[in-house]
Amino acid sequence: MRGLVIRNTGSWYTVLTDEGETVESKIKGNFRLKGIRSTNPVAVGDRVGIIRNQEGTAFIHEIEDRRNYIIRRSSNLSKQSHIIAANVDQAVLIITVDHPVTSTTFIDRFLASAEAYRVPVLMVFNKTDLLDDDGLRLQQMMVTLYETIGYECRQVSAVTGMGVAELLDDLRGKVSCFSGNSGVGKSTLLNRLIPGLQLRTAEISEAHNLGTHTTTFSEMLRIPGGGWAIDTPGIKGFGTFDMKPQEICGYFKEIFHFSHDCRFANCTHTHEPGCAVLKALDEHYIAESRYHSYVSMLNDQDEAKYREAY
């Protein structure tokens, strides 16, 4: 029997079978995923084979090959990864300019990881209704920056409904993984997109302008009109996993574009003479925030780096 993993609570997986049943399942034996050291060998979005047992539950005995996945470094085990979701058509990155602040370093690390695993990203700037004039200007500057690079951006308010109908159009017929920092309003937005969902939400800490986790497990939710939204727990930091320094340039679209004109083929774009990337940075064709994120990933030793805002 085969099916789709639509929920992961840590030890149990809910599988929607090809016959339309939902079966609570556990992993059978030890899974090794082609050398990937993962804290969760089975992820929401995986296609799996299951064997039913007499209790009415099942064992997952096989995972079909994934076409892509969103992955990050495990927060507790730096040498292991955590697969956020598998087999997605797009990642929907929820961002807030304030209440709380989403750092550009976090954004750029997420985008680079998505590029590495061939996952398109739709950037959604939420809580627009809470921004003052300065906040709105900053948000528009960020939107302009990322749209210029080649990313699609939406400005919405989950509370007022601004932009939500248009966002729903972006989701229909696709498998979309929702991700972002804790407190950016992901659950509120999903509640607005999917009537009757009633995901739990929480207030932002006024003292630190930080969010708290309200989603504790990953789950696939049906989108009205067709498609799936994968709800995932909020992420406080995004540690990239298993990237070689010479590959990182390729995951920053605009840096990779200018790198073709560098004097040296093995240029790291940090100090070399004849570096076209550094020239583009000086001439403001590359944003300082993006270059800073690139360098921080090159020198990725300190786990706290990706928590900082620039």
C-alpha atoms as a PDB file:
ATOM      1  CA  MET A   1       0.000   0.000   0.000  1.00  0.00           C
ATOM      2  CA  ARG A   2       1.305   3.453  -0.906  1.00  0.00           C
ATOM      3  CA  GLY A   3       0.442   6.948   0.210  1.00  0.00           C
ATOM      4  CA  LEU A   4       1.422  10.512   1.112  1.00  0.00           C
ATOM      5  CA  VAL A   5       2.731  11.598   4.526  1.00  0.00           C
ATOM      6  CA  ILE A   6       0.441  14.467   5.516  1.00  0.00           C
ATOM      7  CA  ARG A   7       1.349  14.839   9.203  1.00  0.00           C
ATOM      8  CA  ASN A   8       4.386  14.246  11.401  1.00  0.00           C
ATOM      9  CA  THR A   9       4.102  14.489  15.175  1.00  0.00           C
ATOM     10  CA  GLY A  10       7.595  13.192  15.889  1.00  0.00           C
ATOM     11  CA  SER A  11       6.973   9.508  16.481  1.00  0.00           C
ATOM     12  CA  TRP A  12       3.813   8.973  14.411  1.00  0.00           C
ATOM     13  CA  TYR A  13       3.132   9.804  10.781  1.00  0.00           C
ATOM     14  CA  THR A  14      -0.316  10.183   9.244  1.00  0.00           C
ATOM     15  CA  VAL A  15      -0.346   8.668   5.756  1.00  0.00           C
ATOM     16  CA  LEU A  16      -3.095   9.454   3.239  1.00  0.00           C
ATOM     17  CA  THR A  17      -3.241   6.297   1.151  1.00  0.00           C
ATOM     18  CA  ASP A  18      -3.874   6.251  -2.579  1.00  0.00           C
ATOM     19  CA  GLU A  19      -7.265   4.727  -1.703  1.00  0.00           C
ATOM     20  CA  GLY A  20      -8.202   7.813   0.345  1.00  0.00           C
ATOM     21  CA  GLU A  21      -7.743   6.398   3.863  1.00  0.00           C
ATOM     22  CA  THR A  22      -5.681   8.007   6.605  1.00  0.00           C
ATOM     23  CA  VAL A  23      -3.485   5.556   8.505  1.00  0.00           C
ATOM     24  CA  GLU A  24      -1.364   6.292  11.576  1.00  0.00           C
ATOM     25  CA  SER A  25       2.079   4.871  10.853  1.00  0.00           C
ATOM     26  CA  LYS A  26       5.503   4.381  12.384  1.00  0.00           C
ATOM     27  CA  ILE A  27       8.909   3.822  10.836  1.00  0.00           C
ATOM     28  CA  LYS A  28       9.959   0.232  10.334  1.00  0.00           C
ATOM     29  CA  GLY A  29      13.652  -0.351  10.964  1.00  0.00           C
ATOM     30  CA  ASN A  30      16.441   2.164  10.349  1.00  0.00           C
ATOM     31  CA  PHE A  31      16.224   4.436   7.331  1.00  0.00           C
ATOM     32  CA  ARG A  32      19.375   5.732   5.699  1.00  0.00           C
ATOM     33  CA  LEU A  33      18.754   8.371   3.057  1.00  0.00           C
ATOM     34  CA  LYS A  34      21.654   8.260   0.622  1.00  0.00           C
ATOM     35  CA  GLY A  35      24.188   9.654   3.084  1.00  0.00           C
ATOM     36  CA  ILE A  36      21.987  12.461   4.443  1.00  0.00           C
ATOM     37  CA  ARG A  37      22.323  12.583   8.226  1.00  0.00           C
ATOM     38  CA  SER A  38      18.810  13.615   9.193  1.00  0.00           C
ATOM     39  CA  THR A  39      16.982  13.908  12.498  1.00  0.00           C
ATOM     40  CA  ASN A  40      13.745  13.022  10.659  1.00  0.00           C
ATOM     41  CA  PRO A  41      14.184  10.354   7.982  1.00  0.00           C
ATOM     42  CA  VAL A  42      10.527  10.687   6.943  1.00  0.00           C
ATOM     43  CA  ALA A  43       9.129  14.156   6.199  1.00  0.00           C
ATOM     44  CA  VAL A  44       5.728  15.605   5.418  1.00  0.00           C
ATOM     45  CA  GLY A  45       5.274  15.473   1.650  1.00  0.00           C
ATOM     46  CA  ASP A  46       7.079  12.138   1.283  1.00  0.00           C
ATOM     47  CA  ARG A  47       5.545   9.385  -0.800  1.00  0.00           C
ATOM     48  CA  VAL A  48       5.898   6.137   1.160  1.00  0.00           C
ATOM     49  CA  GLY A  49       5.068   2.458   1.151  1.00  0.00           C
ATOM     50  CA  ILE A  50       3.281   1.116   4.218  1.00  0.00           C
ATOM     51  CA  ILE A  51       2.379  -2.303   5.624  1.00  0.00           C
ATOM     52  CA  ARG A  52      -0.879  -2.481   7.632  1.00  0.00           C
ATOM     53  CA  ASN A  53      -0.942  -4.423  10.893  1.00  0.00           C
ATOM     54  CA  GLN A  54      -3.688  -6.030  12.974  1.00  0.00           C
ATOM     55  CA  GLU A  55      -4.077  -2.970  15.208  1.00  0.00           C
ATOM     56  CA  GLY A  56      -5.179  -0.841  12.256  1.00  0.00           C
ATOM     57  CA  THR A  57      -1.935   1.149  12.160  1.00  0.00           C
ATOM     58  CA  ALA A  58       0.966   0.610   9.774  1.00  0.00           C
ATOM     59  CA  PHE A  59       4.730   0.509   9.366  1.00  0.00           C
ATOM     60  CA  ILE A  60       6.487   2.736   6.819  1.00  0.00           C
ATOM     61  CA  HIS A  61       8.937   0.449   5.044  1.00  0.00           C
ATOM     62  CA  GLU A  62       9.924   2.516   1.993  1.00  0.00           C
ATOM     63  CA  ILE A  63      10.335   6.147   0.913  1.00  0.00           C
ATOM     64  CA  GLU A  64      10.013   6.989  -2.767  1.00  0.00           C
ATOM     65  CA  ASP A  65      12.735   9.154  -4.311  1.00  0.00           C
ATOM     66  CA  ARG A  66      12.214  12.842  -3.538  1.00  0.00           C
ATOM     67  CA  ARG A  67      12.197  15.399  -6.332  1.00  0.00           C
ATOM     68  CA  ASN A  68      13.291  18.101  -3.856  1.00  0.00           C
ATOM     69  CA  TYR A  69      13.138  19.113  -0.217  1.00  0.00           C
ATOM     70  CA  ILE A  70      13.689  22.036   2.130  1.00  0.00           C
ATOM     71  CA  ILE A  71      16.475  21.283   4.602  1.00  0.00           C
ATOM     72  CA  ARG A  72      18.273  23.105   7.388  1.00  0.00           C
ATOM     73  CA  ARG A  73      20.881  22.292   9.980  1.00  0.00           C
ATOM     74  CA  SER A  74      19.389  20.656  13.044  1.00  0.00           C
ATOM     75  CA  SER A  75      19.181  23.154  15.907  1.00  0.00           C
ATOM     76  CA  ASN A  76      20.571  20.681  18.440  1.00  0.00           C
ATOM     77  CA  LEU A  77      22.922  18.529  16.370  1.00  0.00           C
ATOM     78  CA  SER A  78      25.062  20.654  14.077  1.00  0.00           C
ATOM     79  CA  LYS A  79      26.289  17.656  12.070  1.00  0.00           C
ATOM     80  CA  GLN A  80      22.765  16.556  11.286  1.00  0.00           C
ATOM     81  CA  SER A  81      20.034  18.033   9.150  1.00  0.00           C
ATOM     82  CA  HIS A  82      16.316  18.522   9.613  1.00  0.00           C
ATOM     83  CA  ILE A  83      14.132  18.100   6.531  1.00  0.00           C
ATOM     84  CA  ILE A  84      11.335  20.677   6.767  1.00  0.00           C
ATOM     85  CA  ALA A  85       9.234  19.274   3.885  1.00  0.00           C
ATOM     86  CA  ALA A  86       9.626  17.143   0.756  1.00  0.00           C
ATOM     87  CA  ASN A  87       8.289  17.192  -2.812  1.00  0.00           C
ATOM     88  CA  VAL A  88       7.100  20.796  -2.836  1.00  0.00           C
ATOM     89  CA  ASP A  89       6.219  23.061  -5.749  1.00  0.00           C
ATOM     90  CA  GLN A  90       7.224  26.184  -3.837  1.00  0.00           C
ATOM     91  CA  ALA A  91       8.312  27.442  -0.444  1.00  0.00           C
ATOM     92  CA  VAL A  92       6.291  30.328   0.969  1.00  0.00           C
ATOM     93  CA  LEU A  93       8.612  32.327   3.221  1.00  0.00           C
ATOM     94  CA  ILE A  94       6.651  34.504   5.660  1.00  0.00           C
ATOM     95  CA  ILE A  95       8.575  37.664   6.597  1.00  0.00           C
ATOM     96  CA  THR A  96       7.834  40.542   8.956  1.00  0.00           C
ATOM     97  CA  VAL A  97       9.680  43.841   8.834  1.00  0.00           C
ATOM     98  CA  ASP A  98       8.612  44.382  12.463  1.00  0.00           C
ATOM     99  CA  HIS A  99       6.651  42.527  15.172  1.00  0.00           C
ATOM    100  CA  PRO A 100       9.079  40.621  15.072  1.00  0.00           C
ATOM    101  CA  VAL A 101      11.958  41.654  12.779  1.00  0.00           C
ATOM    102  CA  THR A 102      12.999  39.032  10.217  1.00  0.00           C
ATOM    103  CA  SER A 103      16.710  39.521   9.583  1.00  0.00           C
ATOM    104  CA  THR A 104      17.989  39.675   6.029  1.00  0.00           C
ATOM    105  CA  THR A 105      20.578  37.074   7.018  1.00  0.00           C
ATOM    106  CA  PHE A 106      17.808  34.612   7.855  1.00  0.00           C
ATOM    107  CA  ILE A 107      16.008  35.436   4.596  1.00  0.00           C
ATOM    108  CA  ASP A 108      19.135  35.010   2.477  1.00  0.00           C
ATOM    109  CA  ARG A 109      20.098  31.721   4.121  1.00  0.00           C
ATOM    110  CA  PHE A 110      16.628  30.353   3.474  1.00  0.00           C
ATOM    111  CA  LEU A 111      16.726  31.510  -0.154  1.00  0.00           C
ATOM    112  CA  ALA A 112      20.191  30.015  -0.691  1.00  0.00           C
ATOM    113  CA  SER A 113      19.116  26.663   0.732  1.00  0.00           C
ATOM    114  CA  ALA A 114      16.013  26.652  -1.465  1.00  0.00           C
ATOM    115  CA  GLU A 115      18.187  27.445  -4.517  1.00  0.00           C
ATOM    116  CA  ALA A 116      20.481  24.540  -3.608  1.00  0.00           C
ATOM    117  CA  TYR A 117      17.579  22.094  -3.635  1.00  0.00           C
ATOM    118  CA  ARG A 118      15.745  23.637  -6.621  1.00  0.00           C
ATOM    119  CA  VAL A 119      12.724  24.907  -4.703  1.00  0.00           C
ATOM    120  CA  PRO A 120      11.116  28.163  -5.952  1.00  0.00           C
ATOM    121  CA  VAL A 121      10.388  30.676  -3.178  1.00  0.00           C
ATOM    122  CA  LEU A 122       7.438  33.057  -2.862  1.00  0.00           C
ATOM    123  CA  MET A 123       8.269  35.795  -0.330  1.00  0.00           C
ATOM    124  CA  VAL A 124       5.257  36.992   1.670  1.00  0.00           C
ATOM    125  CA  PHE A 125       5.624  40.141   3.778  1.00  0.00           C
ATOM    126  CA  ASN A 126       2.976  39.877   6.503  1.00  0.00           C
ATOM    127  CA  LYS A 127       1.661  42.307   9.157  1.00  0.00           C
ATOM    128  CA  THR A 128       1.698  45.209   6.719  1.00  0.00           C
ATOM    129  CA  ASP A 129      -1.176  46.734   8.701  1.00  0.00           C
ATOM    130  CA  LEU A 130       1.088  47.207  11.753  1.00  0.00           C
ATOM    131  CA  LEU A 131       3.764  49.239   9.968  1.00  0.00           C
ATOM    132  CA  ASP A 132       4.206  52.994  10.303  1.00  0.00           C
ATOM    133  CA  ASP A 133       5.453  55.103   7.397  1.00  0.00           C
ATOM    134  CA  ASP A 134       9.095  54.217   8.034  1.00  0.00           C
ATOM    135  CA  GLY A 135       8.226  50.535   8.260  1.00  0.00           C
ATOM    136  CA  LEU A 136       6.279  50.654   5.023  1.00  0.00           C
ATOM    137  CA  ARG A 137       9.209  52.340   3.261  1.00  0.00           C
ATOM    138  CA  LEU A 138      11.606  49.703   4.579  1.00  0.00           C
ATOM    139  CA  GLN A 139       9.295  46.905   3.485  1.00  0.00           C
ATOM    140  CA  GLN A 140       8.967  48.373   0.005  1.00  0.00           C
ATOM    141  CA  MET A 141      12.756  48.680  -0.240  1.00  0.00           C
ATOM    142  CA  MET A 142      13.106  44.995   0.667  1.00  0.00           C
ATOM    143  CA  VAL A 143      10.424  44.005  -1.837  1.00  0.00           C
ATOM    144  CA  THR A 144      12.164  46.013  -4.565  1.00  0.00           C
ATOM    145  CA  LEU A 145      15.518  44.428  -3.710  1.00  0.00           C
ATOM    146  CA  TYR A 146      14.291  40.838  -3.877  1.00  0.00           C
ATOM    147  CA  GLU A 147      12.067  41.377  -6.909  1.00  0.00           C
ATOM    148  CA  THR A 148      15.056  42.880  -8.736  1.00  0.00           C
ATOM    149  CA  ILE A 149      17.032  39.728  -7.917  1.00  0.00           C
ATOM    150  CA  GLY A 150      14.211  37.609  -9.339  1.00  0.00           C
ATOM    151  CA  TYR A 151      12.016  36.553  -6.414  1.00  0.00           C
ATOM    152  CA  GLU A 152       8.252  37.024  -6.367  1.00  0.00           C
ATOM    153  CA  CYS A 153       7.020  39.057  -3.380  1.00  0.00           C
ATOM    154  CA  ARG A 154       3.597  39.712  -1.861  1.00  0.00           C
ATOM    155  CA  GLN A 155       2.628  42.281   0.789  1.00  0.00           C
ATOM    156  CA  VAL A 156      -0.268  41.070   2.938  1.00  0.00           C
ATOM    157  CA  SER A 157      -2.044  41.355   6.253  1.00  0.00           C
ATOM    158  CA  ALA A 158      -3.448  38.158   7.710  1.00  0.00           C
ATOM    159  CA  VAL A 159      -5.505  40.223  10.167  1.00  0.00           C
ATOM    160  CA  THR A 160      -7.218  42.614   7.718  1.00  0.00           C
ATOM    161  CA  GLY A 161      -7.192  40.252   4.734  1.00  0.00           C
ATOM    162  CA  MET A 162      -5.153  42.607   2.545  1.00  0.00           C
ATOM    163  CA  GLY A 163      -3.586  40.655  -0.329  1.00  0.00           C
ATOM    164  CA  VAL A 164      -4.866  37.288   0.899  1.00  0.00           C
ATOM    165  CA  ALA A 165      -7.141  36.593  -2.099  1.00  0.00           C
ATOM    166  CA  GLU A 166      -4.220  37.176  -4.472  1.00  0.00           C
ATOM    167  CA  LEU A 167      -1.999  34.926  -2.343  1.00  0.00           C
ATOM    168  CA  LEU A 168      -4.616  32.179  -2.509  1.00  0.00           C
ATOM    169  CA  ASP A 169      -4.335  32.331  -6.305  1.00  0.00           C
ATOM    170  CA  ASP A 170      -0.579  31.708  -5.940  1.00  0.00           C
ATOM    171  CA  LEU A 171      -1.260  28.557  -3.919  1.00  0.00           C
ATOM    172  CA  ARG A 172      -3.991  26.812  -5.856  1.00  0.00           C
ATOM    173  CA  GLY A 173      -2.974  23.569  -7.516  1.00  0.00           C
ATOM    174  CA  LYS A 174       0.456  23.552  -5.827  1.00  0.00           C
ATOM    175  CA  VAL A 175       2.135  21.992  -2.812  1.00  0.00           C
ATOM    176  CA  SER A 176       3.423  24.994  -0.819  1.00  0.00           C
ATOM    177  CA  CYS A 177       5.621  24.767   2.266  1.00  0.00           C
ATOM    178  CA  PHE A 178       4.968  27.650   4.673  1.00  0.00           C
ATOM    179  CA  SER A 179       8.007  28.641   6.702  1.00  0.00           C
ATOM    180  CA  GLY A 180       9.420  31.584   8.633  1.00  0.00           C
ATOM    181  CA  ASN A 181      10.566  32.848  12.009  1.00  0.00           C
ATOM    182  CA  SER A 182       8.415  32.205  15.047  1.00  0.00           C
ATOM    183  CA  GLY A 183       5.796  34.933  15.448  1.00  0.00           C
ATOM    184  CA  VAL A 184       5.516  36.128  11.836  1.00  0.00           C
ATOM    185  CA  GLY A 185       1.816  35.212  11.708  1.00  0.00           C
ATOM    186  CA  LYS A 186       2.050  31.987   9.723  1.00  0.00           C
ATOM    187  CA  SER A 187      -0.790  30.306  11.618  1.00  0.00           C
ATOM    188  CA  THR A 188      -2.976  33.433  11.431  1.00  0.00           C
ATOM    189  CA  LEU A 189      -2.379  33.622   7.693  1.00  0.00           C
ATOM    190  CA  LEU A 190      -3.261  29.957   7.176  1.00  0.00           C
ATOM    191  CA  ASN A 191      -6.421  30.457   9.257  1.00  0.00           C
ATOM    192  CA  ARG A 192      -7.369  33.299   6.903  1.00  0.00           C
ATOM    193  CA  LEU A 193      -6.566  31.259   3.769  1.00  0.00           C
ATOM    194  CA  ILE A 194      -8.388  28.102   4.897  1.00  0.00           C
ATOM    195  CA  PRO A 195     -11.789  28.864   6.494  1.00  0.00           C
ATOM    196  CA  GLY A 196     -12.564  26.803   9.597  1.00  0.00           C
ATOM    197  CA  LEU A 197      -8.936  25.770  10.158  1.00  0.00           C
ATOM    198  CA  GLN A 198      -8.538  27.442  13.588  1.00  0.00           C
ATOM    199  CA  LEU A 199      -4.810  26.894  14.128  1.00  0.00           C
ATOM    200  CA  ARG A 200      -3.612  28.112  17.496  1.00  0.00           C
ATOM    201  CA  THR A 201      -1.912  31.528  17.522  1.00  0.00           C
ATOM    202  CA  ALA A 202       0.029  33.477  20.163  1.00  0.00           C
ATOM    203  CA  GLU A 203       0.902  37.069  20.991  1.00  0.00           C
ATOM    204  CA  ILE A 204       4.330  38.546  20.307  1.00  0.00           C
ATOM    205  CA  SER A 205       6.531  39.190  23.340  1.00  0.00           C
ATOM    206  CA  GLU A 206       6.493  42.962  23.816  1.00  0.00           C
ATOM    207  CA  ALA A 207       9.752  42.887  25.763  1.00  0.00           C
ATOM    208  CA  HIS A 208      11.838  41.308  23.029  1.00  0.00           C
ATOM    209  CA  ASN A 209       9.637  41.639  19.909  1.00  0.00           C
ATOM    210  CA  LEU A 210      10.019  37.888  19.415  1.00  0.00           C
ATOM    211  CA  GLY A 211       7.521  35.221  18.496  1.00  0.00           C
ATOM    212  CA  THR A 212       6.723  31.985  20.267  1.00  0.00           C
ATOM    213  CA  HIS A 213       6.167  28.586  18.676  1.00  0.00           C
ATOM    214  CA  THR A 214       2.484  27.731  18.252  1.00  0.00           C
ATOM    215  CA  THR A 215       2.865  25.031  15.598  1.00  0.00           C
ATOM    216  CA  THR A 216       4.667  22.041  17.110  1.00  0.00           C
ATOM    217  CA  PHE A 217       4.522  19.597  14.201  1.00  0.00           C
ATOM    218  CA  SER A 218       4.329  19.644  10.405  1.00  0.00           C
ATOM    219  CA  GLU A 219       1.063  19.005   8.601  1.00  0.00           C
ATOM    220  CA  MET A 220      -0.357  19.209   5.066  1.00  0.00           C
ATOM    221  CA  LEU A 221      -3.570  21.240   4.824  1.00  0.00           C
ATOM    222  CA  ARG A 222      -5.935  21.273   1.851  1.00  0.00           C
ATOM    223  CA  ILE A 223      -6.193  24.604   0.025  1.00  0.00           C
ATOM    224  CA  PRO A 224      -9.701  25.672  -1.093  1.00  0.00           C
ATOM    225  CA  GLY A 225      -9.886  25.105  -4.835  1.00  0.00           C
ATOM    226  CA  GLY A 226      -7.060  22.554  -4.858  1.00  0.00           C
ATOM    227  CA  GLY A 227      -3.516  22.266  -3.596  1.00  0.00           C
ATOM    228  CA  TRP A 228      -1.805  21.750  -0.255  1.00  0.00           C
ATOM    229  CA  ALA A 229      -0.207  24.076   2.291  1.00  0.00           C
ATOM    230  CA  ILE A 230       2.414  22.475   4.533  1.00  0.00           C
ATOM    231  CA  ASP A 231       2.313  24.127   7.956  1.00  0.00           C
ATOM    232  CA  THR A 232       5.674  23.866   9.730  1.00  0.00           C
ATOM    233  CA  PRO A 233       6.929  24.975  13.164  1.00  0.00           C
ATOM    234  CA  GLY A 234       8.449  28.451  13.304  1.00  0.00           C
ATOM    235  CA  ILE A 235      12.224  28.646  12.953  1.00  0.00           C
ATOM    236  CA  LYS A 236      14.313  30.873  15.235  1.00  0.00           C
ATOM    237  CA  GLY A 237      17.463  30.460  13.133  1.00  0.00           C
ATOM    238  CA  PHE A 238      18.302  28.928   9.774  1.00  0.00           C
ATOM    239  CA  GLY A 239      21.587  27.043   9.701  1.00  0.00           C
ATOM    240  CA  THR A 240      22.521  25.936   6.208  1.00  0.00           C
ATOM    241  CA  PHE A 241      23.583  22.328   5.838  1.00  0.00           C
ATOM    242  CA  ASP A 242      26.266  20.574   3.810  1.00  0.00           C
ATOM    243  CA  MET A 243      27.227  23.457   1.513  1.00  0.00           C
ATOM    244  CA  LYS A 244      30.756  23.635   0.150  1.00  0.00           C
ATOM    245  CA  PRO A 245      32.256  27.180   0.145  1.00  0.00           C
ATOM    246  CA  GLN A 246      32.851  27.117  -3.614  1.00  0.00           C
ATOM    247  CA  GLU A 247      29.161  26.303  -4.215  1.00  0.00           C
ATOM    248  CA  ILE A 248      27.628  29.121  -2.157  1.00  0.00           C
ATOM    249  CA  CYS A 249      28.102  31.793  -4.843  1.00  0.00           C
ATOM    250  CA  GLY A 250      25.803  29.797  -7.120  1.00  0.00           C
ATOM    251  CA  TYR A 251      22.950  30.099  -4.616  1.00  0.00           C
ATOM    252  CA  PHE A 252      22.982  33.923  -4.704  1.00  0.00           C
ATOM    253  CA  LYS A 253      21.516  34.760  -8.114  1.00  0.00           C
ATOM    254  CA  GLU A 254      22.987  38.225  -8.552  1.00  0.00           C
ATOM    255  CA  ILE A 255      26.426  37.336  -7.158  1.00  0.00           C
ATOM    256  CA  PHE A 256      26.587  34.325  -9.466  1.00  0.00           C
ATOM    257  CA  HIS A 257      25.654  36.577 -12.416  1.00  0.00           C
ATOM    258  CA  PHE A 258      28.595  38.940 -11.846  1.00  0.00           C
ATOM    259  CA  SER A 259      31.033  36.139 -10.925  1.00  0.00           C
ATOM    260  CA  HIS A 260      31.343  35.128 -14.583  1.00  0.00           C
ATOM    261  CA  ASP A 261      33.442  38.261 -15.176  1.00  0.00           C
ATOM    262  CA  CYS A 262      35.959  37.644 -12.372  1.00  0.00           C
ATOM    263  CA  ARG A 263      39.619  37.392 -13.378  1.00  0.00           C
ATOM    264  CA  PHE A 264      40.132  34.087 -11.556  1.00  0.00           C
ATOM    265  CA  ALA A 265      37.888  31.043 -11.966  1.00  0.00           C
ATOM    266  CA  ASN A 266      38.323  30.116  -8.289  1.00  0.00           C
ATOM    267  CA  CYS A 267      37.587  33.638  -7.007  1.00  0.00           C
ATOM    268  CA  THR A 268      35.969  33.688  -3.554  1.00  0.00           C
ATOM    269  CA  HIS A 269      34.756  37.279  -4.096  1.00  0.00           C
ATOM    270  CA  THR A 270      36.285  38.454  -0.839  1.00  0.00           C
ATOM    271  CA  HIS A 271      39.697  39.965  -1.659  1.00  0.00           C
ATOM    272  CA  GLU A 272      40.971  38.885  -5.078  1.00  0.00           C
ATOM    273  CA  PRO A 273      42.165  41.415  -7.691  1.00  0.00           C
ATOM    274  CA  GLY A 274      39.909  41.639 -10.733  1.00  0.00           C
ATOM    275  CA  CYS A 275      36.865  40.450  -8.797  1.00  0.00           C
ATOM    276  CA  ALA A 276      33.733  41.500 -10.679  1.00  0.00           C
ATOM    277  CA  VAL A 277      31.537  40.808  -7.636  1.00  0.00           C
ATOM    278  CA  LEU A 278      33.439  43.268  -5.440  1.00  0.00           C
ATOM    279  CA  LYS A 279      33.272  45.817  -8.267  1.00  0.00           C
ATOM    280  CA  ALA A 280      29.493  45.317  -8.543  1.00  0.00           C
ATOM    281  CA  LEU A 281      29.220  45.692  -4.766  1.00  0.00           C
ATOM    282  CA  ASP A 282      31.135  49.000  -4.876  1.00  0.00           C
ATOM    283  CA  GLU A 283      28.869  50.193  -7.685  1.00  0.00           C
ATOM    284  CA  HIS A 284      25.724  49.156  -5.736  1.00  0.00           C
ATOM    285  CA  TYR A 285      24.597  46.505  -8.199  1.00  0.00           C
ATOM    286  CA  ILE A 286      24.772  44.033  -5.307  1.00  0.00           C
ATOM    287  CA  ALA A 287      23.143  44.963  -1.990  1.00  0.00           C
ATOM    288  CA  GLU A 288      25.450  45.086   1.036  1.00  0.00           C
ATOM    289  CA  SER A 289      22.990  42.977   3.038  1.00  0.00           C
ATOM    290  CA  ARG A 290      23.103  40.215   0.431  1.00  0.00           C
ATOM    291  CA  TYR A 291      26.890  40.292   0.218  1.00  0.00           C
ATOM    292  CA  HIS A 292      27.124  40.211   4.027  1.00  0.00           C
ATOM    293  CA  SER A 293      24.909  37.109   4.038  1.00  0.00           C
ATOM    294  CA  TYR A 294      27.115  35.487   1.407  1.00  0.00           C
ATOM    295  CA  VAL A 295      30.287  36.128   3.429  1.00  0.00           C
ATOM    296  CA  SER A 296      28.654  34.887   6.637  1.00  0.00           C
ATOM    297  CA  MET A 297      27.853  31.606   4.901  1.00  0.00           C
ATOM    298  CA  LEU A 298      31.426  31.316   3.619  1.00  0.00           C
ATOM    299  CA  ASN A 299      32.667  31.619   7.187  1.00  0.00           C
ATOM    300  CA  ASP A 300      29.943  29.504   8.727  1.00  0.00           C
ATOM    301  CA  GLN A 301      31.543  28.490  12.002  1.00  0.00           C
ATOM    302  CA  ASP A 302      29.550  30.400  14.593  1.00  0.00           C
ATOM    303  CA  GLU A 303      26.065  28.926  15.079  1.00  0.00           C
ATOM    304  CA  ALA A 304      24.744  32.283  16.324  1.00  0.00           C
ATOM    305  CA  LYS A 305      25.536  34.161  13.105  1.00  0.00           C
ATOM    306  CA  TYR A 306      22.270  33.505  11.346  1.00  0.00           C
ATOM    307  CA  ARG A 307      20.292  34.851  14.334  1.00  0.00           C
ATOM    308  CA  GLU A 308      21.737  38.325  13.864  1.00  0.00           C
ATOM    309  CA  ALA A 309      20.042  41.113  11.919  1.00  0.00           C
ATOM    310  CA  TYR A 310      21.949  43.310   9.505  1.00  0.00           C
END
